[in-house]
Amino acid sequence: MENPSIKGPTHWLQAIVHFVPIGIFQVDGSDKYIFVNPAWESITGCPVTQALGANWWTVIHPEDQDMVFRQWNQAEKEERELSVECRVITEKNETRWIRLQTSFLFDDSGKNVFGSIENITSNKASELQKEKMITELTEIKKQLEVSSRTDPLTSLLNRRGLEQEMVFEKNRMDRSGNPFSLVLCDIDFFKKINDTYGHDAGDYILSEFAQIIESHSRKQDIVCRWGGEEFLLLLPETDLQGASALAEKIRAQIEKSIFTYNNQEISITLSSGVACMAKDQTIDDCIKNADLRLYLAKSRGRNKVVASED
């Protein structure tokens, strides 16, 4: 397995390495193979007749060569052992993963490199499969987290999702002192829509309604389907006056919108209650205030925005 014209391992060492399942090789000072054992030939798929006298990197996968070169050169410079995982590509274009280990020896005759390669393809496949499963499970977890916070009909945040955002906004208000406001909206006479046009029409109205609210809200605002035909808007760093103005803008847009379902035109109106978070309030207190004002908007004839109990 060696070129007789080039200095190689002693005969007793050849006898040992001939039978081991790990690929053994020796590279001379010119970076060329001067010895490979049968296991090396079997792992790389490179015949010994082609290997001897060839550069050591010829069997390394082209995509891994730069990485292996860098680590090889660094280990040689520091005169330490190299251990790296990389791929080889056989003459039959089969890719295999190997663990490449080398030792660099320097004497009067120059540099000699002794190394081994171990076929870790099956282990690598298991690792890659494990990594893939972890990635897939992580993605599923993310999707479940998103779905647990999202209303499936409107794709808006649901109540749970907005509650988390309100806690964040409350903490930010405590730090900055800037208030935030809530707008609780309710579609007027929504039950009549379901009774007259059917529940599919009602779902269509809710979906279209959600898009209108989002499109007429500001980028920083967070819109949530609070439940049924109720929607809650979280308006960061917004006082009562600003929140009331936005709520009125949305109310006016809904009033003039025409929804067409199965060639039937449907008009709706919106009632809203607005509340601004005070420093000494809890989030629940602020929601209750918005809910009370929504009730007042309903009792005062609907299609209104109410921002106080006066």
Foldseek 3Di string as FASTA:
>chain_A
DFDVVDDDDDPVVLVVQQPDLWWKWKADPVQATGDIHPNVCVQLVPDPVVRGRDHPCPFFDPVCSVVVVVQVVVCVVVQHKGWDWGWGAHPVRDIFIKIKIWGWDQDPVGIMIIIIIDTCRVVVVVVVVVVVVVVVVVVVVVVVVLVVQADPLQRAGEQVVVVVVVVVLLVVCVVPVQWKKKKKKAWPPLVVCCVPPNVVVSSVCLNVLSVLLVVLDDPPKGKYQHDDRMIMIIGHSDDLVRVLVSVLVSQVVLQPDWDADPNDTDHIGMAMFMFMDDNPDDPVVRVVNRVVQSVVCVVVPHSYYGYDPD
